[in-house]
Amino acid sequence: MSQIGSFTATKDGGWSGTVHTLTIETKVRLVPNDNRESDQAPAFRVFAGKSEIGAAWPQRSGGEPPKEYLSVRLDDPSWLEPVTAALFTDTEGKEAKLVWSRRRSGT
């Protein structure tokens, strides 16, 4: 897995940070979705400036012990396909890392 972002917790229960890759470097905010109409609705909306560029849902790993994280989906019209990454918080819940790994072909 590669780290593609660093975030800090915000006062409203969201996250603020930067997504950085070889071709992208942008400030991003994960804003709590207070209007979830169903359990399938995202828990967070992801913004770069005023543009909504994605969403995030809570997940739990299958490892021992299980670890909670956010599954983050980012998209942009210039990309061939959306990017799915995972936001893992530190033990204090104040900082988080966005990590990504390439899907293996055939999966």
C-alpha atoms as a PDB file:
ATOM      1  CA  MET A   1       0.000   0.000   0.000  1.00  0.00           C
ATOM      2  CA  SER A   2       1.090   3.532  -0.738  1.00  0.00           C
ATOM      3  CA  GLN A   3       0.259   6.543   1.371  1.00  0.00           C
ATOM      4  CA  ILE A   4      -1.393   9.168  -0.841  1.00  0.00           C
ATOM      5  CA  GLY A   5      -2.743  11.527   1.810  1.00  0.00           C
ATOM      6  CA  SER A   6      -2.349  12.969   5.295  1.00  0.00           C
ATOM      7  CA  PHE A   7      -5.285  14.283   7.317  1.00  0.00           C
ATOM      8  CA  THR A   8      -6.111  15.856  10.664  1.00  0.00           C
ATOM      9  CA  ALA A   9      -9.431  15.707  12.493  1.00  0.00           C
ATOM     10  CA  THR A  10     -11.663  18.781  12.310  1.00  0.00           C
ATOM     11  CA  LYS A  11     -13.945  20.220  14.993  1.00  0.00           C
ATOM     12  CA  ASP A  12     -17.085  19.165  13.056  1.00  0.00           C
ATOM     13  CA  GLY A  13     -16.129  15.472  13.128  1.00  0.00           C
ATOM     14  CA  GLY A  14     -14.615  15.461   9.644  1.00  0.00           C
ATOM     15  CA  TRP A  15     -11.106  15.421   8.239  1.00  0.00           C
ATOM     16  CA  SER A  16      -8.926  17.964   6.440  1.00  0.00           C
ATOM     17  CA  GLY A  17      -5.720  17.241   4.572  1.00  0.00           C
ATOM     18  CA  THR A  18      -3.890  16.793   1.308  1.00  0.00           C
ATOM     19  CA  VAL A  19      -4.029  14.086  -1.334  1.00  0.00           C
ATOM     20  CA  HIS A  20      -0.662  13.801  -3.056  1.00  0.00           C
ATOM     21  CA  THR A  21       0.501  11.493  -5.849  1.00  0.00           C
ATOM     22  CA  LEU A  22       2.915  11.920  -8.745  1.00  0.00           C
ATOM     23  CA  THR A  23       0.274  13.888 -10.676  1.00  0.00           C
ATOM     24  CA  ILE A  24      -2.060  15.274  -7.980  1.00  0.00           C
ATOM     25  CA  GLU A  25      -1.562  17.532  -4.999  1.00  0.00           C
ATOM     26  CA  THR A  26      -4.766  19.038  -3.653  1.00  0.00           C
ATOM     27  CA  LYS A  27      -6.320  20.007  -0.349  1.00  0.00           C
ATOM     28  CA  VAL A  28      -9.291  17.804   0.514  1.00  0.00           C
ATOM     29  CA  ARG A  29     -12.005  17.853   3.184  1.00  0.00           C
ATOM     30  CA  LEU A  30     -14.149  14.950   4.364  1.00  0.00           C
ATOM     31  CA  VAL A  31     -17.355  16.537   5.644  1.00  0.00           C
ATOM     32  CA  PRO A  32     -19.813  14.509   7.749  1.00  0.00           C
ATOM     33  CA  ASN A  33     -22.983  13.687   5.801  1.00  0.00           C
ATOM     34  CA  ASP A  34     -25.632  14.734   8.302  1.00  0.00           C
ATOM     35  CA  ASN A  35     -28.463  13.905   5.859  1.00  0.00           C
ATOM     36  CA  ARG A  36     -27.940  10.148   5.425  1.00  0.00           C
ATOM     37  CA  GLU A  37     -31.188   8.767   4.049  1.00  0.00           C
ATOM     38  CA  SER A  38     -30.124   5.125   4.422  1.00  0.00           C
ATOM     39  CA  ASP A  39     -27.334   2.945   5.802  1.00  0.00           C
ATOM     40  CA  GLN A  40     -25.955   2.743   2.246  1.00  0.00           C
ATOM     41  CA  ALA A  41     -25.510   6.530   2.009  1.00  0.00           C
ATOM     42  CA  PRO A  42     -21.958   7.760   2.552  1.00  0.00           C
ATOM     43  CA  ALA A  43     -20.976   8.895   6.028  1.00  0.00           C
ATOM     44  CA  PHE A  44     -18.805  11.651   4.527  1.00  0.00           C
ATOM     45  CA  ARG A  45     -18.779  13.789   1.387  1.00  0.00           C
ATOM     46  CA  VAL A  46     -15.327  14.571  -0.014  1.00  0.00           C
ATOM     47  CA  PHE A  47     -14.579  18.068  -1.322  1.00  0.00           C
ATOM     48  CA  ALA A  48     -11.666  19.772  -3.079  1.00  0.00           C
ATOM     49  CA  GLY A  49     -12.495  23.442  -2.765  1.00  0.00           C
ATOM     50  CA  LYS A  50     -16.210  23.760  -3.572  1.00  0.00           C
ATOM     51  CA  SER A  51     -16.246  20.651  -5.804  1.00  0.00           C
ATOM     52  CA  GLU A  52     -17.521  17.343  -4.470  1.00  0.00           C
ATOM     53  CA  ILE A  53     -15.014  14.748  -5.640  1.00  0.00           C
ATOM     54  CA  GLY A  54     -16.027  11.670  -3.678  1.00  0.00           C
ATOM     55  CA  ALA A  55     -17.541   9.997  -0.663  1.00  0.00           C
ATOM     56  CA  ALA A  56     -16.507   7.768   2.252  1.00  0.00           C
ATOM     57  CA  TRP A  57     -18.151   4.899   4.139  1.00  0.00           C
ATOM     58  CA  PRO A  58     -17.160   3.285   7.463  1.00  0.00           C
ATOM     59  CA  GLN A  59     -15.683  -0.203   7.165  1.00  0.00           C
ATOM     60  CA  ARG A  60     -14.119  -2.792   9.438  1.00  0.00           C
ATOM     61  CA  SER A  61     -11.136  -4.952   8.504  1.00  0.00           C
ATOM     62  CA  GLY A  62     -11.295  -8.711   8.762  1.00  0.00           C
ATOM     63  CA  GLY A  63      -7.980  -8.906  10.624  1.00  0.00           C
ATOM     64  CA  GLU A  64      -7.364  -9.701  14.270  1.00  0.00           C
ATOM     65  CA  PRO A  65      -8.108  -7.472  15.954  1.00  0.00           C
ATOM     66  CA  PRO A  66     -10.523  -5.839  13.503  1.00  0.00           C
ATOM     67  CA  LYS A  67      -9.656  -2.246  12.625  1.00  0.00           C
ATOM     68  CA  GLU A  68     -12.162   0.449  11.721  1.00  0.00           C
ATOM     69  CA  TYR A  69     -11.394   2.700   8.751  1.00  0.00           C
ATOM     70  CA  LEU A  70     -13.104   4.753   6.049  1.00  0.00           C
ATOM     71  CA  SER A  71     -13.393   3.431   2.516  1.00  0.00           C
ATOM     72  CA  VAL A  72     -12.878   6.551   0.384  1.00  0.00           C
ATOM     73  CA  ARG A  73     -13.885   6.786  -3.271  1.00  0.00           C
ATOM     74  CA  LEU A  74     -12.459   9.707  -5.258  1.00  0.00           C
ATOM     75  CA  ASP A  75     -13.334  10.613  -8.832  1.00  0.00           C
ATOM     76  CA  ASP A  76     -12.491  13.280 -11.376  1.00  0.00           C
ATOM     77  CA  PRO A  77     -13.565  13.659 -15.018  1.00  0.00           C
ATOM     78  CA  SER A  78      -9.914  13.596 -16.111  1.00  0.00           C
ATOM     79  CA  TRP A  79      -9.312  10.126 -14.604  1.00  0.00           C
ATOM     80  CA  LEU A  80      -9.941   6.851 -16.420  1.00  0.00           C
ATOM     81  CA  GLU A  81     -11.718   5.426 -13.383  1.00  0.00           C
ATOM     82  CA  PRO A  82     -12.433   6.314  -9.735  1.00  0.00           C
ATOM     83  CA  VAL A  83      -9.809   5.697  -7.056  1.00  0.00           C
ATOM     84  CA  THR A  84     -10.719   3.717  -3.950  1.00  0.00           C
ATOM     85  CA  ALA A  85      -8.516   4.195  -0.903  1.00  0.00           C
ATOM     86  CA  ALA A  86      -8.656   3.641   2.864  1.00  0.00           C
ATOM     87  CA  LEU A  87      -8.376   6.288   5.578  1.00  0.00           C
ATOM     88  CA  PHE A  88      -6.802   4.858   8.739  1.00  0.00           C
ATOM     89  CA  THR A  89      -6.706   6.952  11.909  1.00  0.00           C
ATOM     90  CA  ASP A  90      -3.972   6.949  14.519  1.00  0.00           C
ATOM     91  CA  THR A  91      -4.660   5.559  17.984  1.00  0.00           C
ATOM     92  CA  GLU A  92      -5.718   8.988  19.284  1.00  0.00           C
ATOM     93  CA  GLY A  93      -8.110   9.647  16.384  1.00  0.00           C
ATOM     94  CA  LYS A  94      -6.538  13.021  15.596  1.00  0.00           C
ATOM     95  CA  GLU A  95      -4.528  12.178  12.497  1.00  0.00           C
ATOM     96  CA  ALA A  96      -5.110   9.824   9.598  1.00  0.00           C
ATOM     97  CA  LYS A  97      -3.338   8.428   6.549  1.00  0.00           C
ATOM     98  CA  LEU A  98      -4.995   7.787   3.200  1.00  0.00           C
ATOM     99  CA  VAL A  99      -3.548   4.657   1.618  1.00  0.00           C
ATOM    100  CA  TRP A 100      -4.113   3.105  -1.784  1.00  0.00           C
ATOM    101  CA  SER A 101      -3.093  -0.088  -3.540  1.00  0.00           C
ATOM    102  CA  ARG A 102      -3.579  -1.065  -7.158  1.00  0.00           C
ATOM    103  CA  ARG A 103      -6.204  -3.732  -7.764  1.00  0.00           C
ATOM    104  CA  ARG A 104      -4.750  -6.913  -9.151  1.00  0.00           C
ATOM    105  CA  SER A 105      -5.959  -7.810 -12.619  1.00  0.00           C
ATOM    106  CA  GLY A 106      -8.731 -10.391 -12.597  1.00  0.00           C
ATOM    107  CA  THR A 107     -10.274  -9.113  -9.329  1.00  0.00           C
END
